Amino acid sequence: MAGRSVRVKVDTAGIGKLLHSNELRGELTRRMSRVLDQAKATAPVVSGAFKDSMHLEQATTDRAVVRVVADSPDAQWAEAHSGTLARALDAAGGS
């Protein structure tokens, strides 16, 4: 193999189709659902608003997007003090 080079031609149209595909969106949804479940299982409960406000949001930018969101009025404070969403993402790993 010494002296030989490998050329790769990227199919940008194919990559674009993949990034917008229902299959990718489904896989992202499956993975983020695990993160959501972990976050809800470990969320601190004072009033319950933080935990109850957690949900998935789907969007399309230049690709399929799935987010775990907590949108209660105190969500930023709760996340800053507990790290629930960050730890849930860590705990779910790459699965």
PDB file of N, CA and C in Angstrom:
ATOM      1  N   MET A   1       0.806  -1.195   0.000  1.00  0.00           N
ATOM      2  CA  MET A   1       0.000   0.000   0.000  1.00  0.00           C
ATOM      3  C   MET A   1       0.851   1.263   0.000  1.00  0.00           C
ATOM      4  N   ALA A   2       2.123   1.144   0.273  1.00  0.00           N
ATOM      5  CA  ALA A   2       2.975   2.329   0.309  1.00  0.00           C
ATOM      6  C   ALA A   2       2.941   3.028  -1.039  1.00  0.00           C
ATOM      7  N   GLY A   3       2.809   4.332  -1.010  1.00  0.00           N
ATOM      8  CA  GLY A   3       2.797   5.107  -2.225  1.00  0.00           C
ATOM      9  C   GLY A   3       1.437   5.214  -2.892  1.00  0.00           C
ATOM     10  N   ARG A   4       0.468   4.479  -2.443  1.00  0.00           N
ATOM     11  CA  ARG A   4      -0.865   4.560  -3.029  1.00  0.00           C
ATOM     12  C   ARG A   4      -1.725   5.533  -2.230  1.00  0.00           C
ATOM     13  N   SER A   5      -2.591   6.215  -2.937  1.00  0.00           N
ATOM     14  CA  SER A   5      -3.495   7.128  -2.236  1.00  0.00           C
ATOM     15  C   SER A   5      -4.928   6.672  -2.464  1.00  0.00           C
ATOM     16  N   VAL A   6      -5.744   7.042  -1.580  1.00  0.00           N
ATOM     17  CA  VAL A   6      -7.163   6.696  -1.655  1.00  0.00           C
ATOM     18  C   VAL A   6      -7.932   7.967  -1.958  1.00  0.00           C
ATOM     19  N   ARG A   7      -8.823   7.883  -2.897  1.00  0.00           N
ATOM     20  CA  ARG A   7      -9.673   9.024  -3.233  1.00  0.00           C
ATOM     21  C   ARG A   7     -11.092   8.703  -2.798  1.00  0.00           C
ATOM     22  N   VAL A   8     -11.713   9.657  -2.157  1.00  0.00           N
ATOM     23  CA  VAL A   8     -13.089   9.502  -1.710  1.00  0.00           C
ATOM     24  C   VAL A   8     -13.917  10.599  -2.348  1.00  0.00           C
ATOM     25  N   LYS A   9     -15.003  10.207  -2.967  1.00  0.00           N
ATOM     26  CA  LYS A   9     -15.911  11.191  -3.543  1.00  0.00           C
ATOM     27  C   LYS A   9     -17.183  11.171  -2.705  1.00  0.00           C
ATOM     28  N   VAL A  10     -17.499  12.287  -2.089  1.00  0.00           N
ATOM     29  CA  VAL A  10     -18.663  12.387  -1.209  1.00  0.00           C
ATOM     30  C   VAL A  10     -19.894  12.715  -2.039  1.00  0.00           C
ATOM     31  N   ASP A  11     -20.928  11.939  -1.820  1.00  0.00           N
ATOM     32  CA  ASP A  11     -22.206  12.166  -2.498  1.00  0.00           C
ATOM     33  C   ASP A  11     -23.002  13.167  -1.660  1.00  0.00           C
ATOM     34  N   THR A  12     -22.792  14.452  -1.901  1.00  0.00           N
ATOM     35  CA  THR A  12     -23.423  15.481  -1.069  1.00  0.00           C
ATOM     36  C   THR A  12     -24.944  15.460  -1.172  1.00  0.00           C
ATOM     37  N   ALA A  13     -25.478  15.137  -2.336  1.00  0.00           N
ATOM     38  CA  ALA A  13     -26.938  15.036  -2.468  1.00  0.00           C
ATOM     39  C   ALA A  13     -27.455  13.878  -1.616  1.00  0.00           C
ATOM     40  N   GLY A  14     -26.730  12.768  -1.626  1.00  0.00           N
ATOM     41  CA  GLY A  14     -27.120  11.610  -0.813  1.00  0.00           C
ATOM     42  C   GLY A  14     -27.044  11.900   0.677  1.00  0.00           C
ATOM     43  N   ILE A  15     -25.992  12.609   1.094  1.00  0.00           N
ATOM     44  CA  ILE A  15     -25.854  12.998   2.498  1.00  0.00           C
ATOM     45  C   ILE A  15     -27.015  13.914   2.895  1.00  0.00           C
ATOM     46  N   GLY A  16     -27.351  14.853   2.018  1.00  0.00           N
ATOM     47  CA  GLY A  16     -28.482  15.750   2.286  1.00  0.00           C
ATOM     48  C   GLY A  16     -29.781  14.986   2.473  1.00  0.00           C
ATOM     49  N   LYS A  17     -30.020  13.995   1.628  1.00  0.00           N
ATOM     50  CA  LYS A  17     -31.232  13.173   1.755  1.00  0.00           C
ATOM     51  C   LYS A  17     -31.227  12.413   3.075  1.00  0.00           C
ATOM     52  N   LEU A  18     -30.072  11.876   3.431  1.00  0.00           N
ATOM     53  CA  LEU A  18     -29.950  11.148   4.692  1.00  0.00           C
ATOM     54  C   LEU A  18     -30.251  12.051   5.885  1.00  0.00           C
ATOM     55  N   LEU A  19     -29.711  13.264   5.884  1.00  0.00           N
ATOM     56  CA  LEU A  19     -29.896  14.184   7.007  1.00  0.00           C
ATOM     57  C   LEU A  19     -31.347  14.629   7.171  1.00  0.00           C
ATOM     58  N   HIS A  20     -32.155  14.503   6.126  1.00  0.00           N
ATOM     59  CA  HIS A  20     -33.567  14.869   6.191  1.00  0.00           C
ATOM     60  C   HIS A  20     -34.498  13.657   6.240  1.00  0.00           C
ATOM     61  N   SER A  21     -33.942  12.467   6.297  1.00  0.00           N
ATOM     62  CA  SER A  21     -34.747  11.249   6.175  1.00  0.00           C
ATOM     63  C   SER A  21     -35.573  10.945   7.422  1.00  0.00           C
ATOM     64  N   ASN A  22     -36.673  10.258   7.198  1.00  0.00           N
ATOM     65  CA  ASN A  22     -37.521   9.800   8.301  1.00  0.00           C
ATOM     66  C   ASN A  22     -36.781   8.784   9.166  1.00  0.00           C
ATOM     67  N   GLU A  23     -35.888   8.006   8.558  1.00  0.00           N
ATOM     68  CA  GLU A  23     -35.124   7.017   9.317  1.00  0.00           C
ATOM     69  C   GLU A  23     -34.197   7.692  10.323  1.00  0.00           C
ATOM     70  N   LEU A  24     -33.531   8.753   9.894  1.00  0.00           N
ATOM     71  CA  LEU A  24     -32.661   9.483  10.821  1.00  0.00           C
ATOM     72  C   LEU A  24     -33.490  10.133  11.921  1.00  0.00           C
ATOM     73  N   ARG A  25     -34.605  10.762  11.555  1.00  0.00           N
ATOM     74  CA  ARG A  25     -35.471  11.385  12.558  1.00  0.00           C
ATOM     75  C   ARG A  25     -35.955  10.349  13.570  1.00  0.00           C
ATOM     76  N   GLY A  26     -36.306   9.165  13.094  1.00  0.00           N
ATOM     77  CA  GLY A  26     -36.745   8.096  13.992  1.00  0.00           C
ATOM     78  C   GLY A  26     -35.658   7.662  14.954  1.00  0.00           C
ATOM     79  N   GLU A  27     -34.441   7.544  14.447  1.00  0.00           N
ATOM     80  CA  GLU A  27     -33.312   7.155  15.303  1.00  0.00           C
ATOM     81  C   GLU A  27     -33.005   8.239  16.334  1.00  0.00           C
ATOM     82  N   LEU A  28     -33.019   9.494  15.914  1.00  0.00           N
ATOM     83  CA  LEU A  28     -32.805  10.587  16.863  1.00  0.00           C
ATOM     84  C   LEU A  28     -33.903  10.618  17.926  1.00  0.00           C
ATOM     85  N   THR A  29     -35.136  10.392  17.510  1.00  0.00           N
ATOM     86  CA  THR A  29     -36.262  10.384  18.451  1.00  0.00           C
ATOM     87  C   THR A  29     -36.101   9.252  19.460  1.00  0.00           C
ATOM     88  N   ARG A  30     -35.701   8.081  18.988  1.00  0.00           N
ATOM     89  CA  ARG A  30     -35.491   6.938  19.890  1.00  0.00           C
ATOM     90  C   ARG A  30     -34.413   7.265  20.919  1.00  0.00           C
ATOM     91  N   ARG A  31     -33.319   7.818  20.460  1.00  0.00           N
ATOM     92  CA  ARG A  31     -32.217   8.128  21.375  1.00  0.00           C
ATOM     93  C   ARG A  31     -32.584   9.243  22.363  1.00  0.00           C
ATOM     94  N   MET A  32     -33.222  10.280  21.868  1.00  0.00           N
ATOM     95  CA  MET A  32     -33.564  11.388  22.752  1.00  0.00           C
ATOM     96  C   MET A  32     -34.700  11.022  23.710  1.00  0.00           C
ATOM     97  N   SER A  33     -35.526  10.071  23.344  1.00  0.00           N
ATOM     98  CA  SER A  33     -36.555   9.581  24.273  1.00  0.00           C
ATOM     99  C   SER A  33     -35.908   8.932  25.488  1.00  0.00           C
ATOM    100  N   ARG A  34     -34.789   8.249  25.274  1.00  0.00           N
ATOM    101  CA  ARG A  34     -34.052   7.658  26.403  1.00  0.00           C
ATOM    102  C   ARG A  34     -33.490   8.748  27.306  1.00  0.00           C
ATOM    103  N   VAL A  35     -32.998   9.826  26.705  1.00  0.00           N
ATOM    104  CA  VAL A  35     -32.486  10.961  27.480  1.00  0.00           C
ATOM    105  C   VAL A  35     -33.627  11.584  28.279  1.00  0.00           C
ATOM    106  N   LEU A  36     -34.772  11.782  27.634  1.00  0.00           N
ATOM    107  CA  LEU A  36     -35.940  12.358  28.308  1.00  0.00           C
ATOM    108  C   LEU A  36     -36.376  11.486  29.482  1.00  0.00           C
ATOM    109  N   ASP A  37     -36.450  10.187  29.273  1.00  0.00           N
ATOM    110  CA  ASP A  37     -36.845   9.268  30.357  1.00  0.00           C
ATOM    111  C   ASP A  37     -35.879   9.365  31.532  1.00  0.00           C
ATOM    112  N   GLN A  38     -34.573   9.410  31.248  1.00  0.00           N
ATOM    113  CA  GLN A  38     -33.561   9.514  32.304  1.00  0.00           C
ATOM    114  C   GLN A  38     -33.687  10.849  33.037  1.00  0.00           C
ATOM    115  N   ALA A  39     -33.902  11.921  32.286  1.00  0.00           N
ATOM    116  CA  ALA A  39     -34.033  13.244  32.907  1.00  0.00           C
ATOM    117  C   ALA A  39     -35.242  13.296  33.828  1.00  0.00           C
ATOM    118  N   LYS A  40     -36.358  12.766  33.376  1.00  0.00           N
ATOM    119  CA  LYS A  40     -37.560  12.774  34.212  1.00  0.00           C
ATOM    120  C   LYS A  40     -37.385  11.903  35.450  1.00  0.00           C
ATOM    121  N   ALA A  41     -36.651  10.806  35.314  1.00  0.00           N
ATOM    122  CA  ALA A  41     -36.440   9.900  36.450  1.00  0.00           C
ATOM    123  C   ALA A  41     -35.537  10.507  37.516  1.00  0.00           C
ATOM    124  N   THR A  42     -34.692  11.456  37.124  1.00  0.00           N
ATOM    125  CA  THR A  42     -33.715  11.995  38.073  1.00  0.00           C
ATOM    126  C   THR A  42     -33.905  13.476  38.384  1.00  0.00           C
ATOM    127  N   ALA A  43     -34.941  14.079  37.838  1.00  0.00           N
ATOM    128  CA  ALA A  43     -35.162  15.521  38.049  1.00  0.00           C
ATOM    129  C   ALA A  43     -35.508  15.817  39.502  1.00  0.00           C
ATOM    130  N   PRO A  44     -34.939  16.897  40.045  1.00  0.00           N
ATOM    131  CA  PRO A  44     -35.331  17.304  41.394  1.00  0.00           C
ATOM    132  C   PRO A  44     -36.777  17.804  41.351  1.00  0.00           C
ATOM    133  N   VAL A  45     -37.509  17.484  42.402  1.00  0.00           N
ATOM    134  CA  VAL A  45     -38.914  17.894  42.425  1.00  0.00           C
ATOM    135  C   VAL A  45     -39.156  18.805  43.615  1.00  0.00           C
ATOM    136  N   VAL A  46     -39.375  20.077  43.313  1.00  0.00           N
ATOM    137  CA  VAL A  46     -39.788  21.036  44.333  1.00  0.00           C
ATOM    138  C   VAL A  46     -41.270  21.272  44.113  1.00  0.00           C
ATOM    139  N   SER A  47     -41.586  21.860  42.966  1.00  0.00           N
ATOM    140  CA  SER A  47     -42.998  22.061  42.616  1.00  0.00           C
ATOM    141  C   SER A  47     -43.453  21.037  41.581  1.00  0.00           C
ATOM    142  N   GLY A  48     -42.490  20.412  40.907  1.00  0.00           N
ATOM    143  CA  GLY A  48     -42.801  19.480  39.831  1.00  0.00           C
ATOM    144  C   GLY A  48     -42.846  20.144  38.460  1.00  0.00           C
ATOM    145  N   ALA A  49     -42.765  21.474  38.428  1.00  0.00           N
ATOM    146  CA  ALA A  49     -42.884  22.201  37.155  1.00  0.00           C
ATOM    147  C   ALA A  49     -41.731  21.878  36.207  1.00  0.00           C
ATOM    148  N   PHE A  50     -40.515  21.797  36.718  1.00  0.00           N
ATOM    149  CA  PHE A  50     -39.349  21.498  35.883  1.00  0.00           C
ATOM    150  C   PHE A  50     -39.523  20.142  35.210  1.00  0.00           C
ATOM    151  N   LYS A  51     -39.772  19.134  36.012  1.00  0.00           N
ATOM    152  CA  LYS A  51     -39.944  17.775  35.500  1.00  0.00           C
ATOM    153  C   LYS A  51     -41.128  17.695  34.539  1.00  0.00           C
ATOM    154  N   ASP A  52     -42.241  18.298  34.912  1.00  0.00           N
ATOM    155  CA  ASP A  52     -43.454  18.235  34.084  1.00  0.00           C
ATOM    156  C   ASP A  52     -43.299  18.971  32.753  1.00  0.00           C
ATOM    157  N   SER A  53     -42.378  19.927  32.682  1.00  0.00           N
ATOM    158  CA  SER A  53     -42.212  20.691  31.446  1.00  0.00           C
ATOM    159  C   SER A  53     -41.273  20.014  30.447  1.00  0.00           C
ATOM    160  N   MET A  54     -40.652  18.915  30.832  1.00  0.00           N
ATOM    161  CA  MET A  54     -39.718  18.233  29.939  1.00  0.00           C
ATOM    162  C   MET A  54     -40.464  17.510  28.830  1.00  0.00           C
ATOM    163  N   HIS A  55     -39.984  17.695  27.607  1.00  0.00           N
ATOM    164  CA  HIS A  55     -40.601  17.046  26.452  1.00  0.00           C
ATOM    165  C   HIS A  55     -39.637  17.075  25.274  1.00  0.00           C
ATOM    166  N   LEU A  56     -39.988  16.358  24.212  1.00  0.00           N
ATOM    167  CA  LEU A  56     -39.197  16.375  22.989  1.00  0.00           C
ATOM    168  C   LEU A  56     -39.743  17.423  22.044  1.00  0.00           C
ATOM    169  N   GLU A  57     -38.856  18.076  21.329  1.00  0.00           N
ATOM    170  CA  GLU A  57     -39.239  18.986  20.255  1.00  0.00           C
ATOM    171  C   GLU A  57     -38.507  18.545  19.004  1.00  0.00           C
ATOM    172  N   GLN A  58     -39.227  18.508  17.899  1.00  0.00           N
ATOM    173  CA  GLN A  58     -38.629  18.146  16.625  1.00  0.00           C
ATOM    174  C   GLN A  58     -38.646  19.352  15.702  1.00  0.00           C
ATOM    175  N   ALA A  59     -37.608  19.468  14.911  1.00  0.00           N
ATOM    176  CA  ALA A  59     -37.492  20.566  13.963  1.00  0.00           C
ATOM    177  C   ALA A  59     -36.694  20.074  12.770  1.00  0.00           C
ATOM    178  N   THR A  60     -36.634  20.909  11.770  1.00  0.00           N
ATOM    179  CA  THR A  60     -35.775  20.650  10.624  1.00  0.00           C
ATOM    180  C   THR A  60     -35.019  21.929  10.319  1.00  0.00           C
ATOM    181  N   THR A  61     -33.718  21.847  10.391  1.00  0.00           N
ATOM    182  CA  THR A  61     -32.867  22.961   9.998  1.00  0.00           C
ATOM    183  C   THR A  61     -32.257  22.521   8.669  1.00  0.00           C
ATOM    184  N   ASP A  62     -30.956  22.422   8.611  1.00  0.00           N
ATOM    185  CA  ASP A  62     -30.341  21.815   7.436  1.00  0.00           C
ATOM    186  C   ASP A  62     -30.290  20.301   7.601  1.00  0.00           C
ATOM    187  N   ARG A  63     -30.956  19.822   8.659  1.00  0.00           N
ATOM    188  CA  ARG A  63     -31.041  18.387   8.964  1.00  0.00           C
ATOM    189  C   ARG A  63     -32.180  18.153   9.951  1.00  0.00           C
ATOM    190  N   ALA A  64     -32.506  16.893  10.200  1.00  0.00           N
ATOM    191  CA  ALA A  64     -33.508  16.552  11.205  1.00  0.00           C
ATOM    192  C   ALA A  64     -32.922  16.856  12.586  1.00  0.00           C
ATOM    193  N   VAL A  65     -33.751  17.413  13.448  1.00  0.00           N
ATOM    194  CA  VAL A  65     -33.312  17.792  14.794  1.00  0.00           C
ATOM    195  C   VAL A  65     -34.346  17.304  15.805  1.00  0.00           C
ATOM    196  N   VAL A  66     -33.867  16.695  16.890  1.00  0.00           N
ATOM    197  CA  VAL A  66     -34.732  16.310  18.004  1.00  0.00           C
ATOM    198  C   VAL A  66     -34.045  16.793  19.271  1.00  0.00           C
ATOM    199  N   ARG A  67     -34.783  17.556  20.077  1.00  0.00           N
ATOM    200  CA  ARG A  67     -34.235  18.136  21.306  1.00  0.00           C
ATOM    201  C   ARG A  67     -35.047  17.704  22.515  1.00  0.00           C
ATOM    202  N   VAL A  68     -34.368  17.568  23.655  1.00  0.00           N
ATOM    203  CA  VAL A  68     -35.053  17.437  24.936  1.00  0.00           C
ATOM    204  C   VAL A  68     -35.120  18.846  25.498  1.00  0.00           C
ATOM    205  N   VAL A  69     -36.319  19.284  25.851  1.00  0.00           N
ATOM    206  CA  VAL A  69     -36.547  20.654  26.292  1.00  0.00           C
ATOM    207  C   VAL A  69     -37.263  20.639  27.642  1.00  0.00           C
ATOM    208  N   ALA A  70     -36.867  21.532  28.509  1.00  0.00           N
ATOM    209  CA  ALA A  70     -37.608  21.819  29.740  1.00  0.00           C
ATOM    210  C   ALA A  70     -37.911  23.303  29.675  1.00  0.00           C
ATOM    211  N   ASP A  71     -39.186  23.660  29.636  1.00  0.00           N
ATOM    212  CA  ASP A  71     -39.528  25.062  29.417  1.00  0.00           C
ATOM    213  C   ASP A  71     -40.408  25.680  30.502  1.00  0.00           C
ATOM    214  N   SER A  72     -40.293  25.159  31.703  1.00  0.00           N
ATOM    215  CA  SER A  72     -40.994  25.810  32.811  1.00  0.00           C
ATOM    216  C   SER A  72     -40.274  27.124  33.115  1.00  0.00           C
ATOM    217  N   PRO A  73     -40.949  28.054  33.792  1.00  0.00           N
ATOM    218  CA  PRO A  73     -40.309  29.333  34.109  1.00  0.00           C
ATOM    219  C   PRO A  73     -39.001  29.195  34.895  1.00  0.00           C
ATOM    220  N   ASP A  74     -38.887  28.146  35.700  1.00  0.00           N
ATOM    221  CA  ASP A  74     -37.674  27.976  36.502  1.00  0.00           C
ATOM    222  C   ASP A  74     -36.711  26.943  35.919  1.00  0.00           C
ATOM    223  N   ALA A  75     -36.902  26.529  34.665  1.00  0.00           N
ATOM    224  CA  ALA A  75     -36.092  25.463  34.072  1.00  0.00           C
ATOM    225  C   ALA A  75     -34.607  25.822  34.012  1.00  0.00           C
ATOM    226  N   GLN A  76     -34.279  27.043  33.616  1.00  0.00           N
ATOM    227  CA  GLN A  76     -32.868  27.420  33.543  1.00  0.00           C
ATOM    228  C   GLN A  76     -32.220  27.380  34.923  1.00  0.00           C
ATOM    229  N   TRP A  77     -32.921  27.881  35.907  1.00  0.00           N
ATOM    230  CA  TRP A  77     -32.394  27.853  37.273  1.00  0.00           C
ATOM    231  C   TRP A  77     -32.216  26.408  37.738  1.00  0.00           C
ATOM    232  N   ALA A  78     -33.247  25.597  37.511  1.00  0.00           N
ATOM    233  CA  ALA A  78     -33.196  24.201  37.961  1.00  0.00           C
ATOM    234  C   ALA A  78     -32.063  23.444  37.278  1.00  0.00           C
ATOM    235  N   GLU A  79     -31.901  23.644  35.980  1.00  0.00           N
ATOM    236  CA  GLU A  79     -30.820  22.954  35.261  1.00  0.00           C
ATOM    237  C   GLU A  79     -29.463  23.457  35.724  1.00  0.00           C
ATOM    238  N   ALA A  80     -29.326  24.741  35.943  1.00  0.00           N
ATOM    239  CA  ALA A  80     -28.051  25.301  36.393  1.00  0.00           C
ATOM    240  C   ALA A  80     -27.639  24.737  37.746  1.00  0.00           C
ATOM    241  N   HIS A  81     -28.615  24.458  38.601  1.00  0.00           N
ATOM    242  CA  HIS A  81     -28.306  23.963  39.942  1.00  0.00           C
ATOM    243  C   HIS A  81     -28.278  22.447  40.041  1.00  0.00           C
ATOM    244  N   SER A  82     -28.922  21.760  39.111  1.00  0.00           N
ATOM    245  CA  SER A  82     -28.982  20.303  39.216  1.00  0.00           C
ATOM    246  C   SER A  82     -28.222  19.582  38.109  1.00  0.00           C
ATOM    247  N   GLY A  83     -28.124  20.164  36.934  1.00  0.00           N
ATOM    248  CA  GLY A  83     -27.463  19.500  35.806  1.00  0.00           C
ATOM    249  C   GLY A  83     -28.214  18.272  35.319  1.00  0.00           C
ATOM    250  N   THR A  84     -29.511  18.227  35.587  1.00  0.00           N
ATOM    251  CA  THR A  84     -30.316  17.048  35.260  1.00  0.00           C
ATOM    252  C   THR A  84     -30.245  16.678  33.786  1.00  0.00           C
ATOM    253  N   LEU A  85     -30.466  17.638  32.905  1.00  0.00           N
ATOM    254  CA  LEU A  85     -30.479  17.330  31.472  1.00  0.00           C
ATOM    255  C   LEU A  85     -29.090  16.931  30.978  1.00  0.00           C
ATOM    256  N   ALA A  86     -28.073  17.615  31.450  1.00  0.00           N
ATOM    257  CA  ALA A  86     -26.708  17.281  31.044  1.00  0.00           C
ATOM    258  C   ALA A  86     -26.329  15.868  31.502  1.00  0.00           C
ATOM    259  N   ARG A  87     -26.677  15.532  32.728  1.00  0.00           N
ATOM    260  CA  ARG A  87     -26.370  14.191  33.243  1.00  0.00           C
ATOM    261  C   ARG A  87     -27.183  13.129  32.531  1.00  0.00           C
ATOM    262  N   ALA A  88     -28.424  13.443  32.171  1.00  0.00           N
ATOM    263  CA  ALA A  88     -29.273  12.478  31.465  1.00  0.00           C
ATOM    264  C   ALA A  88     -28.693  12.167  30.094  1.00  0.00           C
ATOM    265  N   LEU A  89     -28.160  13.172  29.433  1.00  0.00           N
ATOM    266  CA  LEU A  89     -27.538  12.970  28.132  1.00  0.00           C
ATOM    267  C   LEU A  89     -26.313  12.073  28.287  1.00  0.00           C
ATOM    268  N   ASP A  90     -25.538  12.322  29.327  1.00  0.00           N
ATOM    269  CA  ASP A  90     -24.374  11.499  29.623  1.00  0.00           C
ATOM    270  C   ASP A  90     -24.775  10.056  29.927  1.00  0.00           C
ATOM    271  N   ALA A  91     -25.797   9.892  30.758  1.00  0.00           N
ATOM    272  CA  ALA A  91     -26.234   8.557  31.185  1.00  0.00           C
ATOM    273  C   ALA A  91     -26.783   7.733  30.022  1.00  0.00           C
ATOM    274  N   ALA A  92     -27.440   8.392  29.068  1.00  0.00           N
ATOM    275  CA  ALA A  92     -27.990   7.673  27.926  1.00  0.00           C
ATOM    276  C   ALA A  92     -26.878   7.227  26.982  1.00  0.00           C
ATOM    277  N   GLY A  93     -25.734   7.881  27.063  1.00  0.00           N
ATOM    278  CA  GLY A  93     -24.610   7.497  26.222  1.00  0.00           C
ATOM    279  C   GLY A  93     -24.936   7.599  24.751  1.00  0.00           C
ATOM    280  N   GLY A  94     -24.372   6.733  23.979  1.00  0.00           N
ATOM    281  CA  GLY A  94     -24.609   6.753  22.543  1.00  0.00           C
ATOM    282  C   GLY A  94     -25.720   5.824  22.104  1.00  0.00           C
ATOM    283  N   SER A  95     -26.507   5.342  23.075  1.00  0.00           N
ATOM    284  CA  SER A  95     -27.480   4.307  22.731  1.00  0.00           C
ATOM    285  C   SER A  95     -28.726   4.820  22.100  1.00  0.00           C
TER     286      SER A  95
END
